[in-house]
Amino acid sequence: MRRFAAVLALLTIGAAPPPSIDAKLRSIISPVSGVEMKKTIEALVSFGTRHTLSSQTDPKRGIGAALNWTERKFKSFGLPTVRQCETMTNQRVPTPTRICDMVAIQRGTERPDDVVIIQGHIDSRVTDVMNFTSDAPGANDDGSGVAAVIEAARVLSKRKFPGTIVYAALSGEEQGLMGGKVLANYAKAQGWNVVTVLNNDIIGNSCSSDGVCDSTHARVLSEGPRSQGEAELSKSVHSLGGENDSPSRNISRFLDSLADRLKIGLDVRQIWRTDRFSRGGDHIPFLEMGYPAARISVAVENYDWQHQDLRAEKGKRYGDTIDHVDFAYLAKMTKLNVAALITIASAPPPPEPKVEGAVSTDTKVSWFEMPSAGHWIIKWRRTDSSNWEHQLAAYTDSSFCEGGVRGLGAPRGPMECTLRHIRVDDWVFGVSSVSKDGWESPVASAVPGGAFKPYIAPEKKP
C-alpha cells in the first residue's frame, strides 16, 4: 500500500486563489459585448414569434426559423451542433409536436465526458400561453438568456478547455419545461458527467414594474435538499444534515464567491428556493434527473414586460420588447456565466467526500484521489452559516505532513484528513478539487446526497 504525505495550509474563506487565475479570468471575459448581444436579440425578435407551436418550416417567422438562425451562429464559431428533438404532448401542447433544442458542443481536450452546460430558452409567448400567432418578441424572456449562450460560445470557442462546454437554446419552456427535459435526456443518453447546468432565464432587465431598479445584483436560485433521490435520502438527511447542501446550493455559493472575486460590479443574491415562488424553469428537469443545476435571473423582474400582449393601457406599455433590455447589465450577467464556464471546465470535478467523527473530539474527512487534481481544499462552516468559513488545502506527494492528514493507496485511492479538535456535530464539511494549474471546482458537501452526480441508493449500485 502506497502512502502519501500532505501539506496543509489553513486559510481564511474569501481569500482569492493565485492572482494569475483571477487575472486570467478577467482577461478572457473582457470581450463579452453588450453590442453583440443586442444584435442577437434583434435577430431573435425579428422572427415575430418563437412560440413552441409556431411554424417549424417558415424560413422567416416562428420557432423553426429561430432555431435555424441559432444553428448558423454556432457553426460560424466553428462548433459542431446537434438539433436534439423529442415528440411531446401535454395540456399546453394538445397535439404531438417535435420539441427541438439547438445545441453546440465544445469538446474537452482531457475530460470530454465532464460537462458544464449554459442554456437559455428560445421560445416566447404572450398573455395567452396557447396563442402562437401574435407577435411575441421575447427580448428578455428569454432572448437575453439565449444571447448570453451565444455570446459565451463566441468568446470561448476560440479557446480549449480540459472539460466539455455545452451551449444550448431550448424550446418548449413556456409550454411546460419541455426543452429542458429533452436536453437532460440527451445528456443521460450520452453518458455525460454533468458537473453544472447554468440556466439563464430573464437576465437582461434592471428595472421592475414597481419602479425599483437594480443593475448591481444577480439572483441565483437553487434547491436545498436534492429532489432526485429525495425519498431514499430523507431519513439520512434528517439524521446527518444536508438540507442546505445539495450540489445546486453549492453552485449558488460558487457563483457568489466568483462574482465577488471578479469585481465586475455584480453581486450574487442567493435565493434559497428551487425557483421563484410558485414558478419554474428549465433547470428543474435536470434536477429531477440528478444533475446539479441552478437558475440565474435578474435582481428585479418586470411583470409588465413578460408574458404580455403588446399593447398600451392608460399610458403604460406592456410587452417584452428590446428597448427594455439593459445591455450593460446583461454584459455583466454574461461575464459571470462565462467565468463560471471557464472555471468549471478547467477544474477537475468535485470529489465525493465523506465525514466521520461521532462521539469524538476530531473529525475525519475522506474522498477519493483523482489524477487530474493537483490538490484539494477542505472547507467547513457552522451549521447555521450561509457560506464556507474555513478552509484547509491538502497536497499529495509532499515531504511535509501536519495535522493528521494522509493519503492511502494507489492512484484514485482514498484520501483522509483528520481535523484535530473540530467536532463534527457543530460543522458542515465539504471538499473541492483544484487542478495542477490552480482552477478550483465548486465544493461538494460531505452530506447525504452531496455528490455532484445522480444519487444511486447503495442497494441499487452495481
Protein backbone atom coordinates (compact mmCIF):
# COMPACT_ATOMS: atom_id res chain seq x y z
CA MET A 1 0.00 0.00 0.00
CA ARG A 2 1.46 3.31 -1.12
CA ARG A 3 1.41 6.22 1.34
CA PHE A 4 1.23 9.91 0.57
CA ALA A 5 2.26 12.86 2.68
CA ALA A 6 0.27 16.06 2.64
CA VAL A 7 0.91 19.74 3.21
CA LEU A 8 -1.84 21.66 4.94
CA ALA A 9 -2.38 25.39 4.77
CA LEU A 10 -5.09 26.85 6.97
CA LEU A 11 -6.66 29.72 5.07
CA THR A 12 -9.46 32.20 5.57
CA ILE A 13 -12.53 31.75 3.41
CA GLY A 14 -12.78 34.58 0.90
CA ALA A 15 -9.06 34.58 0.19
CA ALA A 16 -8.58 34.55 -3.57
CA PRO A 17 -6.77 31.78 -5.43
CA PRO A 18 -3.43 32.62 -7.05
CA PRO A 19 -3.66 36.10 -8.64
CA SER A 20 -2.90 34.64 -12.05
CA ILE A 21 -6.25 32.76 -12.03
CA ASP A 22 -8.39 35.84 -11.40
CA ALA A 23 -6.31 37.94 -13.80
CA LYS A 24 -6.71 35.26 -16.45
CA LEU A 25 -10.46 35.11 -15.88
CA ARG A 26 -10.89 38.86 -16.20
CA SER A 27 -8.84 38.81 -19.39
CA ILE A 28 -10.87 36.04 -21.01
CA ILE A 29 -14.27 37.52 -20.13
CA SER A 30 -13.34 41.06 -21.18
CA PRO A 31 -14.51 40.64 -24.83
CA VAL A 32 -18.09 39.89 -23.71
CA SER A 33 -20.07 42.56 -25.53
CA GLY A 34 -23.46 44.13 -24.95
CA VAL A 35 -23.32 45.35 -28.55
CA GLU A 36 -23.01 41.78 -29.84
CA MET A 37 -25.87 40.61 -27.64
CA LYS A 38 -28.07 43.45 -28.87
CA LYS A 39 -27.53 42.15 -32.42
CA THR A 40 -28.50 38.67 -31.24
CA ILE A 41 -31.71 39.81 -29.56
CA GLU A 42 -32.61 41.98 -32.57
CA ALA A 43 -32.30 38.87 -34.74
CA LEU A 44 -34.41 36.76 -32.37
CA VAL A 45 -37.12 39.44 -32.16
CA SER A 46 -37.21 39.66 -35.98
CA PHE A 47 -38.79 36.20 -36.20
CA GLY A 48 -42.06 37.69 -34.92
CA THR A 49 -42.96 34.88 -32.56
CA ARG A 50 -40.86 32.00 -31.29
CA HIS A 51 -43.78 30.22 -29.69
CA THR A 52 -43.23 26.47 -29.45
CA LEU A 53 -46.38 25.81 -31.51
CA SER A 54 -45.45 28.32 -34.23
CA SER A 55 -44.14 27.26 -37.63
CA GLN A 56 -41.12 24.99 -37.75
CA THR A 57 -40.77 25.35 -41.53
CA ASP A 58 -41.34 29.03 -42.35
CA PRO A 59 -37.91 30.47 -43.25
CA LYS A 60 -38.61 33.90 -41.73
CA ARG A 61 -41.14 33.55 -38.90
CA GLY A 62 -41.52 31.18 -35.98
CA ILE A 63 -39.57 28.78 -33.82
CA GLY A 64 -38.07 26.86 -36.74
CA ALA A 65 -36.52 29.96 -38.30
CA ALA A 66 -35.10 31.00 -34.92
CA LEU A 67 -33.54 27.57 -34.34
CA ASN A 68 -32.03 27.58 -37.84
CA TRP A 69 -30.52 31.01 -37.25
CA THR A 70 -29.04 29.86 -33.93
CA GLU A 71 -27.53 26.82 -35.61
CA ARG A 72 -25.84 29.06 -38.17
CA LYS A 73 -24.43 31.25 -35.38
CA PHE A 74 -22.95 28.27 -33.55
CA LYS A 75 -21.44 26.93 -36.76
CA SER A 76 -19.93 30.33 -37.54
CA PHE A 77 -17.87 29.88 -34.37
CA GLY A 78 -16.59 26.53 -35.63
CA LEU A 79 -18.65 24.50 -33.15
CA PRO A 80 -20.36 21.20 -34.03
CA THR A 81 -24.10 21.30 -33.47
CA VAL A 82 -26.88 18.89 -32.59
CA ARG A 83 -30.58 19.54 -33.12
CA GLN A 84 -32.00 17.26 -30.45
CA CYS A 85 -35.75 16.67 -30.72
CA GLU A 86 -38.45 14.66 -28.99
CA THR A 87 -42.12 14.43 -29.87
CA MET A 88 -44.15 15.52 -26.86
CA THR A 89 -47.64 16.43 -25.79
CA ASN A 90 -49.31 17.88 -22.68
CA GLN A 91 -52.09 20.32 -21.78
CA ARG A 92 -50.20 23.16 -23.44
CA VAL A 93 -49.19 21.05 -26.44
CA PRO A 94 -52.51 19.42 -27.40
CA THR A 95 -51.21 17.51 -30.42
CA PRO A 96 -47.90 15.60 -30.63
CA THR A 97 -45.23 18.17 -31.53
CA ARG A 98 -41.50 17.99 -32.13
CA ILE A 99 -39.74 19.89 -29.37
CA CYS A 100 -36.23 20.73 -30.57
CA ASP A 101 -33.17 22.14 -28.81
CA MET A 102 -30.25 23.65 -30.71
CA VAL A 103 -27.05 22.53 -29.01
CA ALA A 104 -23.39 23.30 -29.71
CA ILE A 105 -20.70 21.14 -28.12
CA GLN A 106 -17.14 22.29 -27.41
CA ARG A 107 -15.36 19.04 -26.59
CA GLY A 108 -12.89 18.96 -23.73
CA THR A 109 -9.29 18.10 -24.54
CA GLU A 110 -8.68 15.93 -21.46
CA ARG A 111 -12.03 15.06 -19.86
CA PRO A 112 -14.63 15.16 -22.66
CA ASP A 113 -17.29 13.42 -20.57
CA ASP A 114 -17.13 16.04 -17.80
CA VAL A 115 -19.66 18.62 -18.96
CA VAL A 116 -20.78 22.11 -17.96
CA ILE A 117 -23.92 23.43 -19.69
CA ILE A 118 -25.06 27.01 -20.27
CA GLN A 119 -28.63 27.29 -21.51
CA GLY A 120 -31.50 29.67 -22.18
CA HIS A 121 -34.92 29.03 -23.73
CA ILE A 122 -35.51 30.33 -27.23
CA ASP A 123 -39.32 30.08 -27.22
CA SER A 124 -41.52 33.08 -26.40
CA ARG A 125 -45.17 33.78 -25.57
CA VAL A 126 -47.80 36.46 -24.98
CA THR A 127 -50.62 36.61 -22.41
CA ASP A 128 -52.45 33.52 -23.69
CA VAL A 129 -49.91 30.70 -23.49
CA MET A 130 -51.70 28.95 -26.38
CA ASN A 131 -51.52 31.96 -28.72
CA PHE A 132 -48.87 31.04 -31.28
CA THR A 133 -49.78 33.57 -33.97
CA SER A 134 -49.43 37.00 -32.32
CA ASP A 135 -46.05 38.71 -32.19
CA ALA A 136 -44.14 37.62 -29.08
CA PRO A 137 -40.73 39.33 -29.21
CA GLY A 138 -39.42 37.68 -26.03
CA ALA A 139 -36.49 40.09 -25.86
CA ASN A 140 -35.79 39.49 -22.18
CA ASP A 141 -37.75 36.26 -21.63
CA ASP A 142 -35.69 34.66 -22.83
CA GLY A 143 -33.88 36.36 -25.68
CA SER A 144 -31.46 37.63 -23.03
CA GLY A 145 -30.59 34.11 -21.88
CA VAL A 146 -30.09 32.88 -25.44
CA ALA A 147 -27.95 35.94 -26.18
CA ALA A 148 -25.75 35.02 -23.20
CA VAL A 149 -25.43 31.46 -24.51
CA ILE A 150 -24.43 32.65 -27.99
CA GLU A 151 -22.06 35.29 -26.62
CA ALA A 152 -20.39 32.70 -24.38
CA ALA A 153 -19.92 30.49 -27.44
CA ARG A 154 -18.48 33.38 -29.44
CA VAL A 155 -15.93 34.25 -26.76
CA LEU A 156 -14.94 30.76 -25.60
CA SER A 157 -14.95 28.85 -28.90
CA LYS A 158 -11.55 30.39 -29.65
CA ARG A 159 -10.03 28.52 -26.69
CA LYS A 160 -9.58 24.97 -25.43
CA PHE A 161 -10.53 23.54 -22.06
CA PRO A 162 -9.97 20.18 -20.34
CA GLY A 163 -13.72 19.64 -19.85
CA THR A 164 -16.57 19.99 -22.31
CA ILE A 165 -18.77 23.10 -22.59
CA VAL A 166 -22.28 22.71 -23.99
CA TYR A 167 -24.20 25.74 -25.30
CA ALA A 168 -27.96 25.19 -25.60
CA ALA A 169 -31.00 27.10 -26.86
CA LEU A 170 -34.05 25.22 -25.58
CA SER A 171 -37.60 25.09 -26.93
CA GLY A 172 -40.81 24.44 -25.05
CA GLU A 173 -40.07 26.15 -21.74
CA GLU A 174 -43.26 28.17 -21.74
CA GLN A 175 -45.26 25.04 -22.61
CA GLY A 176 -44.01 23.05 -19.62
CA LEU A 177 -40.18 22.94 -19.35
CA MET A 178 -40.08 20.57 -22.30
CA GLY A 179 -36.76 21.64 -23.82
CA GLY A 180 -35.01 21.13 -20.50
CA LYS A 181 -36.32 17.58 -20.42
CA VAL A 182 -35.09 16.98 -23.98
CA LEU A 183 -31.56 18.10 -23.15
CA ALA A 184 -31.46 16.26 -19.81
CA ASN A 185 -32.50 13.06 -21.59
CA TYR A 186 -29.80 13.64 -24.21
CA ALA A 187 -27.16 14.19 -21.50
CA LYS A 188 -28.10 10.89 -19.89
CA ALA A 189 -28.06 9.05 -23.22
CA GLN A 190 -24.60 10.43 -23.97
CA GLY A 191 -23.29 9.30 -20.59
CA TRP A 192 -22.18 12.81 -19.69
CA ASN A 193 -20.98 13.59 -16.18
CA VAL A 194 -22.89 16.85 -15.94
CA VAL A 195 -20.97 18.88 -13.37
CA THR A 196 -23.11 22.02 -13.56
CA VAL A 197 -26.06 23.43 -15.50
CA LEU A 198 -26.32 27.23 -15.64
CA ASN A 199 -29.90 28.04 -16.62
CA ASN A 200 -30.18 31.68 -17.71
CA ASP A 201 -33.78 32.82 -17.82
CA ILE A 202 -34.67 36.54 -17.79
CA ILE A 203 -31.24 38.10 -17.24
CA GLY A 204 -31.48 41.38 -19.16
CA ASN A 205 -33.73 43.93 -17.42
CA SER A 206 -32.67 46.07 -14.48
CA CYS A 207 -35.92 47.92 -13.65
CA SER A 208 -39.08 46.37 -12.24
CA SER A 209 -42.77 47.10 -12.71
CA ASP A 210 -42.89 48.96 -9.38
CA GLY A 211 -40.12 51.38 -10.37
CA VAL A 212 -37.35 49.65 -8.42
CA CYS A 213 -34.09 49.39 -10.39
CA ASP A 214 -31.10 47.21 -9.59
CA SER A 215 -28.21 46.69 -12.02
CA THR A 216 -25.71 45.51 -9.40
CA HIS A 217 -27.17 42.15 -8.35
CA ALA A 218 -27.94 38.78 -9.89
CA ARG A 219 -30.24 36.24 -8.31
CA VAL A 220 -29.13 32.60 -8.24
CA LEU A 221 -31.91 30.18 -7.31
CA SER A 222 -31.06 26.68 -6.11
CA GLU A 223 -32.72 23.74 -4.44
CA GLY A 224 -31.80 22.81 -0.86
CA PRO A 225 -32.37 19.09 -0.30
CA ARG A 226 -31.84 17.44 -3.66
CA SER A 227 -35.07 16.43 -5.37
CA GLN A 228 -33.70 13.35 -7.16
CA GLY A 229 -33.41 10.53 -4.61
CA GLU A 230 -35.24 12.60 -2.00
CA ALA A 231 -37.34 9.71 -0.72
CA GLU A 232 -34.32 7.44 -0.24
CA LEU A 233 -32.22 10.23 1.29
CA SER A 234 -34.80 11.72 3.64
CA LYS A 235 -34.00 9.55 6.64
CA SER A 236 -30.24 10.12 6.33
CA VAL A 237 -30.67 13.87 5.81
CA HIS A 238 -32.95 14.05 8.84
CA SER A 239 -30.22 12.44 10.93
CA LEU A 240 -26.98 13.76 9.40
CA GLY A 241 -27.96 17.05 7.76
CA GLY A 242 -27.78 18.21 4.19
CA GLU A 243 -30.94 20.32 3.95
CA ASN A 244 -28.84 23.26 2.72
CA ASP A 245 -26.07 21.41 0.90
CA SER A 246 -27.30 19.96 -2.35
CA PRO A 247 -24.87 20.28 -5.26
CA SER A 248 -27.08 23.03 -6.66
CA ARG A 249 -26.86 25.02 -3.44
CA ASN A 250 -23.07 24.76 -3.70
CA ILE A 251 -23.26 26.05 -7.29
CA SER A 252 -25.01 29.08 -5.80
CA ARG A 253 -22.21 29.56 -3.26
CA PHE A 254 -19.64 29.09 -6.02
CA LEU A 255 -21.22 31.81 -8.18
CA ASP A 256 -21.48 34.14 -5.20
CA SER A 257 -17.78 33.78 -4.45
CA LEU A 258 -16.84 34.08 -8.12
CA ALA A 259 -18.78 37.33 -8.55
CA ASP A 260 -17.02 38.80 -5.51
CA ARG A 261 -13.63 37.93 -6.98
CA LEU A 262 -14.35 39.22 -10.49
CA LYS A 263 -15.12 42.76 -9.34
CA ILE A 264 -17.31 43.50 -12.37
CA GLY A 265 -19.92 45.45 -10.42
CA LEU A 266 -22.21 42.46 -9.91
CA ASP A 267 -23.01 40.75 -6.62
CA VAL A 268 -24.92 37.48 -6.29
CA ARG A 269 -28.02 37.34 -4.15
CA GLN A 270 -28.54 33.69 -3.25
CA ILE A 271 -32.23 32.74 -3.30
CA TRP A 272 -32.76 29.52 -1.41
CA ARG A 273 -35.63 28.22 -3.50
CA THR A 274 -35.57 25.92 -6.49
CA ASP A 275 -37.12 28.74 -8.50
CA ARG A 276 -39.21 31.85 -7.88
CA PHE A 277 -42.32 31.43 -5.75
CA SER A 278 -44.76 29.00 -7.47
CA ARG A 279 -42.81 29.24 -10.75
CA GLY A 280 -40.30 27.11 -12.63
CA GLY A 281 -37.54 26.95 -15.23
CA ASP A 282 -35.56 24.61 -17.43
CA HIS A 283 -33.07 23.68 -14.70
CA ILE A 284 -35.79 21.66 -12.95
CA PRO A 285 -35.79 18.69 -15.38
CA PHE A 286 -32.05 18.39 -14.77
CA LEU A 287 -32.56 18.43 -11.01
CA GLU A 288 -35.20 15.73 -11.32
CA MET A 289 -32.65 13.52 -13.09
CA GLY A 290 -29.94 14.21 -10.50
CA TYR A 291 -27.83 16.72 -12.43
CA PRO A 292 -26.64 19.81 -10.48
CA ALA A 293 -28.34 22.93 -11.83
CA ALA A 294 -29.21 26.46 -10.78
CA ARG A 295 -31.18 29.34 -12.28
CA ILE A 296 -29.60 32.73 -12.90
CA SER A 297 -32.03 35.63 -13.18
CA VAL A 298 -32.34 39.39 -12.80
CA ALA A 299 -32.41 41.09 -9.42
CA VAL A 300 -35.89 42.56 -10.07
CA GLU A 301 -38.37 41.22 -12.62
CA ASN A 302 -40.76 43.46 -14.53
CA TYR A 303 -44.10 41.69 -14.79
CA ASP A 304 -45.46 44.23 -17.28
CA TRP A 305 -42.79 43.15 -19.73
CA GLN A 306 -43.15 39.36 -19.60
CA HIS A 307 -45.97 37.05 -20.72
CA GLN A 308 -47.88 40.07 -22.04
CA ASP A 309 -49.65 41.00 -25.27
CA LEU A 310 -48.06 44.00 -26.96
CA ARG A 311 -50.31 46.92 -26.04
CA ALA A 312 -50.66 50.24 -24.22
CA GLU A 313 -53.18 50.84 -21.44
CA LYS A 314 -53.64 54.14 -19.57
CA GLY A 315 -50.27 55.34 -20.76
CA LYS A 316 -48.44 52.16 -19.73
CA ARG A 317 -46.75 49.93 -22.29
CA TYR A 318 -46.87 46.18 -21.97
CA GLY A 319 -44.79 43.55 -23.74
CA ASP A 320 -41.30 42.07 -23.83
CA THR A 321 -39.62 44.42 -26.29
CA ILE A 322 -35.93 45.03 -26.87
CA ASP A 323 -35.97 48.64 -25.65
CA HIS A 324 -36.48 47.30 -22.12
CA VAL A 325 -33.19 45.38 -22.14
CA ASP A 326 -30.27 46.90 -20.20
CA PHE A 327 -27.34 45.69 -22.27
CA ALA A 328 -24.65 46.91 -19.87
CA TYR A 329 -26.31 44.84 -17.15
CA LEU A 330 -26.72 41.87 -19.50
CA ALA A 331 -22.99 42.03 -20.26
CA LYS A 332 -22.17 41.75 -16.54
CA MET A 333 -24.54 38.81 -16.14
CA THR A 334 -22.94 37.10 -19.13
CA LYS A 335 -19.43 37.72 -17.84
CA LEU A 336 -20.34 35.89 -14.63
CA ASN A 337 -21.60 32.96 -16.70
CA VAL A 338 -18.53 32.88 -18.90
CA ALA A 339 -16.20 32.99 -15.90
CA ALA A 340 -18.10 30.07 -14.35
CA LEU A 341 -17.87 28.06 -17.57
CA ILE A 342 -14.13 28.65 -17.79
CA THR A 343 -13.53 27.67 -14.17
CA ILE A 344 -15.70 24.55 -14.12
CA ALA A 345 -14.40 23.32 -17.50
CA SER A 346 -10.82 23.88 -16.32
CA ALA A 347 -11.10 22.33 -12.84
CA PRO A 348 -11.43 18.63 -12.05
CA PRO A 349 -14.95 17.62 -10.99
CA PRO A 350 -15.72 17.94 -7.28
CA PRO A 351 -14.88 14.81 -5.26
CA GLU A 352 -17.38 12.76 -3.25
CA PRO A 353 -16.39 13.49 0.34
CA LYS A 354 -17.50 11.62 3.44
CA VAL A 355 -17.19 12.67 7.06
CA GLU A 356 -16.84 10.73 10.32
CA GLY A 357 -16.47 11.79 13.92
CA ALA A 358 -19.40 10.76 16.08
CA VAL A 359 -18.50 10.70 19.80
CA SER A 360 -15.09 12.19 19.05
CA THR A 361 -13.29 15.49 19.51
CA ASP A 362 -11.83 15.12 15.99
CA THR A 363 -13.41 14.91 12.54
CA LYS A 364 -12.15 12.77 9.66
CA VAL A 365 -12.91 13.89 6.10
CA SER A 366 -12.22 11.43 3.28
CA TRP A 367 -12.54 11.37 -0.50
CA PHE A 368 -11.04 9.58 -3.49
CA GLU A 369 -7.98 10.91 -5.25
CA MET A 370 -8.34 11.93 -8.91
CA PRO A 371 -5.33 12.00 -11.28
CA SER A 372 -6.43 15.34 -12.77
CA ALA A 373 -6.36 17.10 -9.39
CA GLY A 374 -3.27 18.86 -8.15
CA HIS A 375 -4.69 19.19 -4.65
CA TRP A 376 -7.95 19.54 -2.73
CA ILE A 377 -9.41 22.13 -0.40
CA ILE A 378 -11.34 21.01 2.66
CA LYS A 379 -13.91 23.58 3.77
CA TRP A 380 -16.19 23.85 6.75
CA ARG A 381 -18.71 26.22 8.28
CA ARG A 382 -21.01 26.38 11.28
CA THR A 383 -24.29 24.61 10.64
CA ASP A 384 -26.19 27.92 10.77
CA SER A 385 -23.78 29.79 8.46
CA SER A 386 -24.66 30.59 4.87
CA ASN A 387 -21.22 30.27 3.30
CA TRP A 388 -17.99 28.41 3.92
CA GLU A 389 -15.95 29.96 6.72
CA HIS A 390 -12.70 27.98 6.98
CA GLN A 391 -10.56 26.01 4.59
CA LEU A 392 -7.53 23.77 4.52
CA ALA A 393 -5.50 22.94 1.40
CA ALA A 394 -4.26 19.34 1.16
CA TYR A 395 -1.49 18.35 -1.26
CA THR A 396 -0.21 14.84 -2.02
CA ASP A 397 3.40 13.79 -2.63
CA SER A 398 4.93 16.39 -0.35
CA SER A 399 7.80 15.93 2.04
CA PHE A 400 5.91 17.58 4.88
CA CYS A 401 2.89 16.30 6.78
CA GLU A 402 1.00 18.07 9.53
CA GLY A 403 -2.27 17.82 11.43
CA GLY A 404 -3.07 14.16 10.88
CA VAL A 405 -3.67 14.41 7.13
CA ARG A 406 -2.65 11.49 4.95
CA GLY A 407 -3.33 9.76 1.68
CA LEU A 408 -3.57 5.98 1.41
CA GLY A 409 -3.42 3.60 -1.51
CA ALA A 410 -2.74 3.67 -5.24
CA PRO A 411 -3.83 6.47 -7.60
CA ARG A 412 -7.53 7.08 -7.13
CA GLY A 413 -7.10 5.66 -3.66
CA PRO A 414 -8.76 7.18 -0.59
CA MET A 415 -7.53 10.44 0.88
CA GLU A 416 -8.07 11.13 4.57
CA CYS A 417 -7.80 14.26 6.67
CA THR A 418 -8.25 14.31 10.43
CA LEU A 419 -9.19 17.76 11.73
CA ARG A 420 -7.98 17.90 15.32
CA HIS A 421 -10.28 19.40 17.97
CA ILE A 422 -13.04 20.14 15.45
CA ARG A 423 -16.24 18.36 16.46
CA VAL A 424 -18.39 17.01 13.65
CA ASP A 425 -21.63 17.91 15.45
CA ASP A 426 -21.09 21.66 15.08
CA TRP A 427 -19.96 21.99 11.46
CA VAL A 428 -20.77 21.17 7.85
CA PHE A 429 -17.82 19.97 5.76
CA GLY A 430 -17.05 19.90 2.05
CA VAL A 431 -14.19 19.39 -0.39
CA SER A 432 -13.33 21.00 -3.74
CA SER A 433 -10.85 19.81 -6.38
CA VAL A 434 -8.08 22.04 -7.71
CA SER A 435 -6.25 21.46 -10.99
CA LYS A 436 -2.49 21.45 -11.20
CA ASP A 437 -2.63 24.99 -12.63
CA GLY A 438 -4.94 26.35 -9.92
CA TRP A 439 -8.55 26.08 -11.16
CA GLU A 440 -10.92 25.19 -8.31
CA SER A 441 -14.21 23.33 -8.68
CA PRO A 442 -17.38 24.04 -6.71
CA VAL A 443 -17.47 22.43 -3.27
CA ALA A 444 -19.18 19.08 -2.75
CA SER A 445 -20.59 18.82 0.75
CA ALA A 446 -19.96 15.73 2.87
CA VAL A 447 -23.67 15.14 3.45
CA PRO A 448 -26.17 12.55 2.21
CA GLY A 449 -26.75 13.30 -1.48
CA GLY A 450 -23.97 15.89 -1.64
CA ALA A 451 -22.14 14.34 -4.60
CA PHE A 452 -22.20 16.16 -7.95
CA LYS A 453 -23.80 13.26 -9.79
CA PRO A 454 -27.15 11.48 -9.74
CA TYR A 455 -27.86 9.76 -6.45
CA ILE A 456 -27.94 5.96 -6.50
CA ALA A 457 -29.15 4.17 -3.39
CA PRO A 458 -26.46 1.83 -2.00
CA GLU A 459 -28.60 -1.25 -2.57
CA LYS A 460 -29.00 -0.30 -6.23
CA LYS A 461 -25.33 0.26 -7.00
CA PRO A 462 -23.76 -2.36 -9.28
